[in-house]
Amino acid sequence: MEGTLDIWSIVSGKDGKPYVQFKFDEEHKFQLTPIEARQHAYKILQVSFAAEADAFFVNFIVEKIGLELEKAVGLLADFRHWRAKNEH
């Protein structure tokens, strides 16, 4: 991904409320309330930890079982599907 994601806090001149301003390049700008921003931040943390766990799973399958990387990634997709179906 090229470009920079800039994030800063603002107070609206219209209603005096706090917002978190996001800007990616000059074309993509948006604001979130602090609660919305924290919800997105929490989701980013969850997904980043999941990405590391997924990579650990795939690398374990490749290194310990000897499955090819492409097949190990496919196994991960199968595992995710099975887990989603069996969650209570």
PDB file of N, CA and C in Angstrom:
ATOM      1  N   MET A   1       0.842  -1.167   0.000  1.00  0.00           N
ATOM      2  CA  MET A   1       0.000   0.000   0.000  1.00  0.00           C
ATOM      3  C   MET A   1       0.891   1.235   0.000  1.00  0.00           C
ATOM      4  N   GLU A   2       0.664   2.070  -0.929  1.00  0.00           N
ATOM      5  CA  GLU A   2       1.423   3.310  -0.998  1.00  0.00           C
ATOM      6  C   GLU A   2       0.594   4.435  -0.404  1.00  0.00           C
ATOM      7  N   GLY A   3       1.272   5.445   0.071  1.00  0.00           N
ATOM      8  CA  GLY A   3       0.569   6.564   0.670  1.00  0.00           C
ATOM      9  C   GLY A   3       0.670   6.505   2.176  1.00  0.00           C
ATOM     10  N   THR A   4       0.192   7.527   2.794  1.00  0.00           N
ATOM     11  CA  THR A   4       0.261   7.630   4.239  1.00  0.00           C
ATOM     12  C   THR A   4      -1.131   7.848   4.804  1.00  0.00           C
ATOM     13  N   LEU A   5      -1.423   7.156   5.864  1.00  0.00           N
ATOM     14  CA  LEU A   5      -2.673   7.356   6.590  1.00  0.00           C
ATOM     15  C   LEU A   5      -2.382   8.309   7.737  1.00  0.00           C
ATOM     16  N   ASP A   6      -2.974   9.479   7.679  1.00  0.00           N
ATOM     17  CA  ASP A   6      -2.824  10.474   8.744  1.00  0.00           C
ATOM     18  C   ASP A   6      -4.074  10.444   9.613  1.00  0.00           C
ATOM     19  N   ILE A   7      -3.880  10.521  10.911  1.00  0.00           N
ATOM     20  CA  ILE A   7      -4.992  10.484  11.868  1.00  0.00           C
ATOM     21  C   ILE A   7      -4.725  11.548  12.926  1.00  0.00           C
ATOM     22  N   TRP A   8      -5.728  12.356  13.223  1.00  0.00           N
ATOM     23  CA  TRP A   8      -5.597  13.343  14.272  1.00  0.00           C
ATOM     24  C   TRP A   8      -6.940  13.650  14.893  1.00  0.00           C
ATOM     25  N   SER A   9      -6.893  14.248  16.071  1.00  0.00           N
ATOM     26  CA  SER A   9      -8.125  14.607  16.776  1.00  0.00           C
ATOM     27  C   SER A   9      -8.544  16.017  16.388  1.00  0.00           C
ATOM     28  N   ILE A  10      -9.859  16.213  16.343  1.00  0.00           N
ATOM     29  CA  ILE A  10     -10.394  17.548  16.058  1.00  0.00           C
ATOM     30  C   ILE A  10     -11.609  17.789  16.945  1.00  0.00           C
ATOM     31  N   VAL A  11     -11.956  19.042  17.063  1.00  0.00           N
ATOM     32  CA  VAL A  11     -13.212  19.447  17.686  1.00  0.00           C
ATOM     33  C   VAL A  11     -13.972  20.213  16.615  1.00  0.00           C
ATOM     34  N   SER A  12     -15.198  19.808  16.366  1.00  0.00           N
ATOM     35  CA  SER A  12     -15.998  20.413  15.314  1.00  0.00           C
ATOM     36  C   SER A  12     -16.299  21.870  15.633  1.00  0.00           C
ATOM     37  N   GLY A  13     -16.085  22.721  14.644  1.00  0.00           N
ATOM     38  CA  GLY A  13     -16.452  24.131  14.783  1.00  0.00           C
ATOM     39  C   GLY A  13     -17.951  24.347  14.679  1.00  0.00           C
ATOM     40  N   LYS A  14     -18.677  23.321  14.236  1.00  0.00           N
ATOM     41  CA  LYS A  14     -20.134  23.428  14.085  1.00  0.00           C
ATOM     42  C   LYS A  14     -20.876  23.028  15.351  1.00  0.00           C
ATOM     43  N   ASP A  15     -20.436  21.924  15.985  1.00  0.00           N
ATOM     44  CA  ASP A  15     -21.193  21.440  17.139  1.00  0.00           C
ATOM     45  C   ASP A  15     -20.349  21.261  18.402  1.00  0.00           C
ATOM     46  N   GLY A  16     -19.043  21.544  18.330  1.00  0.00           N
ATOM     47  CA  GLY A  16     -18.173  21.459  19.497  1.00  0.00           C
ATOM     48  C   GLY A  16     -17.871  20.035  19.945  1.00  0.00           C
ATOM     49  N   LYS A  17     -18.243  19.049  19.145  1.00  0.00           N
ATOM     50  CA  LYS A  17     -18.036  17.651  19.523  1.00  0.00           C
ATOM     51  C   LYS A  17     -16.688  17.151  19.029  1.00  0.00           C
ATOM     52  N   PRO A  18     -16.157  16.126  19.725  1.00  0.00           N
ATOM     53  CA  PRO A  18     -14.869  15.568  19.319  1.00  0.00           C
ATOM     54  C   PRO A  18     -15.027  14.593  18.158  1.00  0.00           C
ATOM     55  N   TYR A  19     -14.034  14.593  17.278  1.00  0.00           N
ATOM     56  CA  TYR A  19     -13.995  13.644  16.164  1.00  0.00           C
ATOM     57  C   TYR A  19     -12.558  13.209  15.933  1.00  0.00           C
ATOM     58  N   VAL A  20     -12.420  12.090  15.272  1.00  0.00           N
ATOM     59  CA  VAL A  20     -11.115  11.620  14.821  1.00  0.00           C
ATOM     60  C   VAL A  20     -11.120  11.752  13.307  1.00  0.00           C
ATOM     61  N   GLN A  21     -10.182  12.514  12.805  1.00  0.00           N
ATOM     62  CA  GLN A  21     -10.086  12.800  11.371  1.00  0.00           C
ATOM     63  C   GLN A  21      -9.095  11.831  10.747  1.00  0.00           C
ATOM     64  N   PHE A  22      -9.471  11.249   9.624  1.00  0.00           N
ATOM     65  CA  PHE A  22      -8.604  10.345   8.868  1.00  0.00           C
ATOM     66  C   PHE A  22      -8.393  10.920   7.483  1.00  0.00           C
ATOM     67  N   LYS A  23      -7.164  10.786   6.983  1.00  0.00           N
ATOM     68  CA  LYS A  23      -6.882  11.218   5.619  1.00  0.00           C
ATOM     69  C   LYS A  23      -5.891  10.239   5.005  1.00  0.00           C
ATOM     70  N   PHE A  24      -6.278   9.690   3.864  1.00  0.00           N
ATOM     71  CA  PHE A  24      -5.374   8.852   3.084  1.00  0.00           C
ATOM     72  C   PHE A  24      -5.280   9.490   1.718  1.00  0.00           C
ATOM     73  N   ASP A  25      -4.110   9.976   1.386  1.00  0.00           N
ATOM     74  CA  ASP A  25      -3.912  10.764   0.184  1.00  0.00           C
ATOM     75  C   ASP A  25      -4.831  11.991   0.258  1.00  0.00           C
ATOM     76  N   GLU A  26      -4.993  12.671  -0.815  1.00  0.00           N
ATOM     77  CA  GLU A  26      -5.853  13.858  -0.805  1.00  0.00           C
ATOM     78  C   GLU A  26      -7.304  13.510  -1.108  1.00  0.00           C
ATOM     79  N   GLU A  27      -7.542  12.353  -1.661  1.00  0.00           N
ATOM     80  CA  GLU A  27      -8.881  11.984  -2.107  1.00  0.00           C
ATOM     81  C   GLU A  27      -9.739  11.325  -1.034  1.00  0.00           C
ATOM     82  N   HIS A  28      -9.137  10.739  -0.045  1.00  0.00           N
ATOM     83  CA  HIS A  28      -9.875   9.928   0.918  1.00  0.00           C
ATOM     84  C   HIS A  28      -9.774  10.548   2.308  1.00  0.00           C
ATOM     85  N   LYS A  29     -10.852  11.209   2.703  1.00  0.00           N
ATOM     86  CA  LYS A  29     -10.911  11.845   4.011  1.00  0.00           C
ATOM     87  C   LYS A  29     -12.233  11.478   4.672  1.00  0.00           C
ATOM     88  N   PHE A  30     -12.180  11.218   5.981  1.00  0.00           N
ATOM     89  CA  PHE A  30     -13.421  10.971   6.705  1.00  0.00           C
ATOM     90  C   PHE A  30     -13.202  11.202   8.191  1.00  0.00           C
ATOM     91  N   GLN A  31     -14.322  11.309   8.913  1.00  0.00           N
ATOM     92  CA  GLN A  31     -14.291  11.522  10.354  1.00  0.00           C
ATOM     93  C   GLN A  31     -15.113  10.442  11.034  1.00  0.00           C
ATOM     94  N   LEU A  32     -14.671  10.081  12.239  1.00  0.00           N
ATOM     95  CA  LEU A  32     -15.419   9.160  13.089  1.00  0.00           C
ATOM     96  C   LEU A  32     -15.545   9.781  14.469  1.00  0.00           C
ATOM     97  N   THR A  33     -16.578   9.393  15.175  1.00  0.00           N
ATOM     98  CA  THR A  33     -16.654   9.780  16.577  1.00  0.00           C
ATOM     99  C   THR A  33     -15.573   9.002  17.325  1.00  0.00           C
ATOM    100  N   PRO A  34     -15.185   9.452  18.502  1.00  0.00           N
ATOM    101  CA  PRO A  34     -14.193   8.691  19.264  1.00  0.00           C
ATOM    102  C   PRO A  34     -14.633   7.241  19.529  1.00  0.00           C
ATOM    103  N   ILE A  35     -15.904   7.026  19.786  1.00  0.00           N
ATOM    104  CA  ILE A  35     -16.386   5.656  20.010  1.00  0.00           C
ATOM    105  C   ILE A  35     -16.227   4.819  18.754  1.00  0.00           C
ATOM    106  N   GLU A  36     -16.607   5.367  17.607  1.00  0.00           N
ATOM    107  CA  GLU A  36     -16.453   4.642  16.338  1.00  0.00           C
ATOM    108  C   GLU A  36     -14.980   4.345  16.055  1.00  0.00           C
ATOM    109  N   ALA A  37     -14.114   5.338  16.315  1.00  0.00           N
ATOM    110  CA  ALA A  37     -12.675   5.151  16.073  1.00  0.00           C
ATOM    111  C   ALA A  37     -12.125   4.037  16.960  1.00  0.00           C
ATOM    112  N   ARG A  38     -12.539   3.995  18.231  1.00  0.00           N
ATOM    113  CA  ARG A  38     -12.072   2.939  19.126  1.00  0.00           C
ATOM    114  C   ARG A  38     -12.586   1.574  18.679  1.00  0.00           C
ATOM    115  N   GLN A  39     -13.819   1.517  18.178  1.00  0.00           N
ATOM    116  CA  GLN A  39     -14.347   0.248  17.673  1.00  0.00           C
ATOM    117  C   GLN A  39     -13.518  -0.254  16.497  1.00  0.00           C
ATOM    118  N   HIS A  40     -13.151   0.641  15.587  1.00  0.00           N
ATOM    119  CA  HIS A  40     -12.314   0.256  14.445  1.00  0.00           C
ATOM    120  C   HIS A  40     -10.914  -0.149  14.917  1.00  0.00           C
ATOM    121  N   ALA A  41     -10.377   0.597  15.879  1.00  0.00           N
ATOM    122  CA  ALA A  41      -9.044   0.270  16.402  1.00  0.00           C
ATOM    123  C   ALA A  41      -9.041  -1.115  17.036  1.00  0.00           C
ATOM    124  N   TYR A  42     -10.087  -1.426  17.791  1.00  0.00           N
ATOM    125  CA  TYR A  42     -10.197  -2.745  18.412  1.00  0.00           C
ATOM    126  C   TYR A  42     -10.256  -3.832  17.344  1.00  0.00           C
ATOM    127  N   LYS A  43     -11.016  -3.605  16.296  1.00  0.00           N
ATOM    128  CA  LYS A  43     -11.120  -4.577  15.200  1.00  0.00           C
ATOM    129  C   LYS A  43      -9.765  -4.750  14.517  1.00  0.00           C
ATOM    130  N   ILE A  44      -9.038  -3.668  14.314  1.00  0.00           N
ATOM    131  CA  ILE A  44      -7.711  -3.753  13.710  1.00  0.00           C
ATOM    132  C   ILE A  44      -6.789  -4.596  14.593  1.00  0.00           C
ATOM    133  N   LEU A  45      -6.843  -4.393  15.903  1.00  0.00           N
ATOM    134  CA  LEU A  45      -6.028  -5.201  16.816  1.00  0.00           C
ATOM    135  C   LEU A  45      -6.415  -6.676  16.736  1.00  0.00           C
ATOM    136  N   GLN A  46      -7.713  -6.970  16.741  1.00  0.00           N
ATOM    137  CA  GLN A  46      -8.171  -8.358  16.643  1.00  0.00           C
ATOM    138  C   GLN A  46      -7.657  -9.008  15.363  1.00  0.00           C
ATOM    139  N   VAL A  47      -7.808  -8.326  14.253  1.00  0.00           N
ATOM    140  CA  VAL A  47      -7.426  -8.881  12.962  1.00  0.00           C
ATOM    141  C   VAL A  47      -5.906  -9.023  12.860  1.00  0.00           C
ATOM    142  N   SER A  48      -5.161  -8.082  13.427  1.00  0.00           N
ATOM    143  CA  SER A  48      -3.701  -8.182  13.360  1.00  0.00           C
ATOM    144  C   SER A  48      -3.198  -9.376  14.169  1.00  0.00           C
ATOM    145  N   PHE A  49      -3.803  -9.629  15.336  1.00  0.00           N
ATOM    146  CA  PHE A  49      -3.436 -10.815  16.113  1.00  0.00           C
ATOM    147  C   PHE A  49      -3.837 -12.090  15.369  1.00  0.00           C
ATOM    148  N   ALA A  50      -4.996 -12.069  14.735  1.00  0.00           N
ATOM    149  CA  ALA A  50      -5.444 -13.235  13.965  1.00  0.00           C
ATOM    150  C   ALA A  50      -4.503 -13.507  12.796  1.00  0.00           C
ATOM    151  N   ALA A  51      -4.014 -12.463  12.148  1.00  0.00           N
ATOM    152  CA  ALA A  51      -3.081 -12.643  11.027  1.00  0.00           C
ATOM    153  C   ALA A  51      -1.818 -13.350  11.501  1.00  0.00           C
ATOM    154  N   GLU A  52      -1.313 -12.958  12.660  1.00  0.00           N
ATOM    155  CA  GLU A  52      -0.119 -13.620  13.199  1.00  0.00           C
ATOM    156  C   GLU A  52      -0.400 -15.073  13.562  1.00  0.00           C
ATOM    157  N   ALA A  53      -1.557 -15.325  14.160  1.00  0.00           N
ATOM    158  CA  ALA A  53      -1.924 -16.700  14.520  1.00  0.00           C
ATOM    159  C   ALA A  53      -2.103 -17.552  13.263  1.00  0.00           C
ATOM    160  N   ASP A  54      -2.724 -16.990  12.243  1.00  0.00           N
ATOM    161  CA  ASP A  54      -2.911 -17.716  10.982  1.00  0.00           C
ATOM    162  C   ASP A  54      -1.561 -18.065  10.351  1.00  0.00           C
ATOM    163  N   ALA A  55      -0.635 -17.114  10.369  1.00  0.00           N
ATOM    164  CA  ALA A  55       0.692 -17.367   9.801  1.00  0.00           C
ATOM    165  C   ALA A  55       1.415 -18.454  10.594  1.00  0.00           C
ATOM    166  N   PHE A  56       1.260 -18.432  11.907  1.00  0.00           N
ATOM    167  CA  PHE A  56       1.855 -19.477  12.743  1.00  0.00           C
ATOM    168  C   PHE A  56       1.285 -20.839  12.368  1.00  0.00           C
ATOM    169  N   PHE A  57      -0.038 -20.921  12.213  1.00  0.00           N
ATOM    170  CA  PHE A  57      -0.724 -22.163  11.830  1.00  0.00           C
ATOM    171  C   PHE A  57      -0.196 -22.669  10.487  1.00  0.00           C
ATOM    172  N   VAL A  58      -0.148 -21.793   9.499  1.00  0.00           N
ATOM    173  CA  VAL A  58       0.296 -22.178   8.160  1.00  0.00           C
ATOM    174  C   VAL A  58       1.752 -22.631   8.187  1.00  0.00           C
ATOM    175  N   ASN A  59       2.604 -21.862   8.851  1.00  0.00           N
ATOM    176  CA  ASN A  59       4.022 -22.227   8.917  1.00  0.00           C
ATOM    177  C   ASN A  59       4.234 -23.541   9.662  1.00  0.00           C
ATOM    178  N   PHE A  60       3.450 -23.782  10.687  1.00  0.00           N
ATOM    179  CA  PHE A  60       3.534 -25.053  11.410  1.00  0.00           C
ATOM    180  C   PHE A  60       3.191 -26.212  10.477  1.00  0.00           C
ATOM    181  N   ILE A  61       2.108 -26.063   9.726  1.00  0.00           N
ATOM    182  CA  ILE A  61       1.679 -27.112   8.792  1.00  0.00           C
ATOM    183  C   ILE A  61       2.759 -27.362   7.731  1.00  0.00           C
ATOM    184  N   VAL A  62       3.371 -26.296   7.233  1.00  0.00           N
ATOM    185  CA  VAL A  62       4.409 -26.436   6.203  1.00  0.00           C
ATOM    186  C   VAL A  62       5.662 -27.100   6.791  1.00  0.00           C
ATOM    187  N   GLU A  63       6.115 -26.599   7.937  1.00  0.00           N
ATOM    188  CA  GLU A  63       7.384 -27.069   8.490  1.00  0.00           C
ATOM    189  C   GLU A  63       7.282 -28.425   9.184  1.00  0.00           C
ATOM    190  N   LYS A  64       6.217 -28.685   9.907  1.00  0.00           N
ATOM    191  CA  LYS A  64       6.117 -29.918  10.695  1.00  0.00           C
ATOM    192  C   LYS A  64       5.449 -31.057   9.941  1.00  0.00           C
ATOM    193  N   ILE A  65       4.502 -30.742   9.073  1.00  0.00           N
ATOM    194  CA  ILE A  65       3.781 -31.795   8.355  1.00  0.00           C
ATOM    195  C   ILE A  65       4.297 -31.928   6.925  1.00  0.00           C
ATOM    196  N   GLY A  66       4.886 -30.862   6.410  1.00  0.00           N
ATOM    197  CA  GLY A  66       5.471 -30.912   5.081  1.00  0.00           C
ATOM    198  C   GLY A  66       4.507 -30.598   3.950  1.00  0.00           C
ATOM    199  N   LEU A  67       3.363 -30.033   4.280  1.00  0.00           N
ATOM    200  CA  LEU A  67       2.409 -29.647   3.239  1.00  0.00           C
ATOM    201  C   LEU A  67       2.958 -28.440   2.486  1.00  0.00           C
ATOM    202  N   GLU A  68       2.670 -28.362   1.202  1.00  0.00           N
ATOM    203  CA  GLU A  68       3.089 -27.204   0.410  1.00  0.00           C
ATOM    204  C   GLU A  68       2.350 -25.962   0.914  1.00  0.00           C
ATOM    205  N   LEU A  69       2.983 -24.810   0.753  1.00  0.00           N
ATOM    206  CA  LEU A  69       2.426 -23.551   1.253  1.00  0.00           C
ATOM    207  C   LEU A  69       1.022 -23.306   0.725  1.00  0.00           C
ATOM    208  N   GLU A  70       0.820 -23.487  -0.566  1.00  0.00           N
ATOM    209  CA  GLU A  70      -0.493 -23.235  -1.166  1.00  0.00           C
ATOM    210  C   GLU A  70      -1.561 -24.135  -0.534  1.00  0.00           C
ATOM    211  N   LYS A  71      -1.222 -25.397  -0.295  1.00  0.00           N
ATOM    212  CA  LYS A  71      -2.178 -26.320   0.323  1.00  0.00           C
ATOM    213  C   LYS A  71      -2.404 -25.985   1.792  1.00  0.00           C
ATOM    214  N   ALA A  72      -1.365 -25.525   2.472  1.00  0.00           N
ATOM    215  CA  ALA A  72      -1.507 -25.123   3.870  1.00  0.00           C
ATOM    216  C   ALA A  72      -2.430 -23.918   4.004  1.00  0.00           C
ATOM    217  N   VAL A  73      -2.309 -22.980   3.073  1.00  0.00           N
ATOM    218  CA  VAL A  73      -3.204 -21.814   3.074  1.00  0.00           C
ATOM    219  C   VAL A  73      -4.640 -22.272   2.809  1.00  0.00           C
ATOM    220  N   GLY A  74      -4.813 -23.225   1.909  1.00  0.00           N
ATOM    221  CA  GLY A  74      -6.141 -23.787   1.660  1.00  0.00           C
ATOM    222  C   GLY A  74      -6.694 -24.482   2.889  1.00  0.00           C
ATOM    223  N   LEU A  75      -5.827 -25.180   3.625  1.00  0.00           N
ATOM    224  CA  LEU A  75      -6.241 -25.833   4.867  1.00  0.00           C
ATOM    225  C   LEU A  75      -6.686 -24.797   5.892  1.00  0.00           C
ATOM    226  N   LEU A  76      -5.995 -23.676   5.944  1.00  0.00           N
ATOM    227  CA  LEU A  76      -6.390 -22.589   6.835  1.00  0.00           C
ATOM    228  C   LEU A  76      -7.794 -22.102   6.491  1.00  0.00           C
ATOM    229  N   ALA A  77      -8.083 -21.951   5.210  1.00  0.00           N
ATOM    230  CA  ALA A  77      -9.424 -21.525   4.788  1.00  0.00           C
ATOM    231  C   ALA A  77     -10.466 -22.555   5.210  1.00  0.00           C
ATOM    232  N   ASP A  78     -10.149 -23.836   5.054  1.00  0.00           N
ATOM    233  CA  ASP A  78     -11.063 -24.900   5.497  1.00  0.00           C
ATOM    234  C   ASP A  78     -11.273 -24.833   7.005  1.00  0.00           C
ATOM    235  N   PHE A  79     -10.198 -24.610   7.739  1.00  0.00           N
ATOM    236  CA  PHE A  79     -10.274 -24.516   9.198  1.00  0.00           C
ATOM    237  C   PHE A  79     -11.157 -23.347   9.624  1.00  0.00           C
ATOM    238  N   ARG A  80     -10.969 -22.193   8.989  1.00  0.00           N
ATOM    239  CA  ARG A  80     -11.800 -21.025   9.309  1.00  0.00           C
ATOM    240  C   ARG A  80     -13.279 -21.316   9.059  1.00  0.00           C
ATOM    241  N   HIS A  81     -13.567 -21.950   7.930  1.00  0.00           N
ATOM    242  CA  HIS A  81     -14.950 -22.288   7.596  1.00  0.00           C
ATOM    243  C   HIS A  81     -15.525 -23.251   8.639  1.00  0.00           C
ATOM    244  N   TRP A  82     -14.770 -24.263   9.003  1.00  0.00           N
ATOM    245  CA  TRP A  82     -15.221 -25.252   9.996  1.00  0.00           C
ATOM    246  C   TRP A  82     -15.445 -24.571  11.339  1.00  0.00           C
ATOM    247  N   ARG A  83     -14.513 -23.695  11.736  1.00  0.00           N
ATOM    248  CA  ARG A  83     -14.635 -23.003  13.019  1.00  0.00           C
ATOM    249  C   ARG A  83     -15.873 -22.116  13.040  1.00  0.00           C
ATOM    250  N   ALA A  84     -16.123 -21.367  11.971  1.00  0.00           N
ATOM    251  CA  ALA A  84     -17.295 -20.495  11.908  1.00  0.00           C
ATOM    252  C   ALA A  84     -18.583 -21.300  11.982  1.00  0.00           C
ATOM    253  N   LYS A  85     -18.599 -22.449  11.344  1.00  0.00           N
ATOM    254  CA  LYS A  85     -19.790 -23.293  11.337  1.00  0.00           C
ATOM    255  C   LYS A  85     -20.041 -23.917  12.704  1.00  0.00           C
ATOM    256  N   ASN A  86     -18.981 -24.156  13.474  1.00  0.00           N
ATOM    257  CA  ASN A  86     -19.108 -24.873  14.735  1.00  0.00           C
ATOM    258  C   ASN A  86     -19.060 -23.970  15.964  1.00  0.00           C
ATOM    259  N   GLU A  87     -18.967 -22.673  15.783  1.00  0.00           N
ATOM    260  CA  GLU A  87     -18.988 -21.762  16.935  1.00  0.00           C
ATOM    261  C   GLU A  87     -20.391 -21.746  17.517  1.00  0.00           C
ATOM    262  N   HIS A  88     -20.434 -21.631  18.805  1.00  0.00           N
ATOM    263  CA  HIS A  88     -21.749 -21.645  19.475  1.00  0.00           C
ATOM    264  C   HIS A  88     -22.113 -20.269  19.946  1.00  0.00           C
TER     265      HIS A  88
END
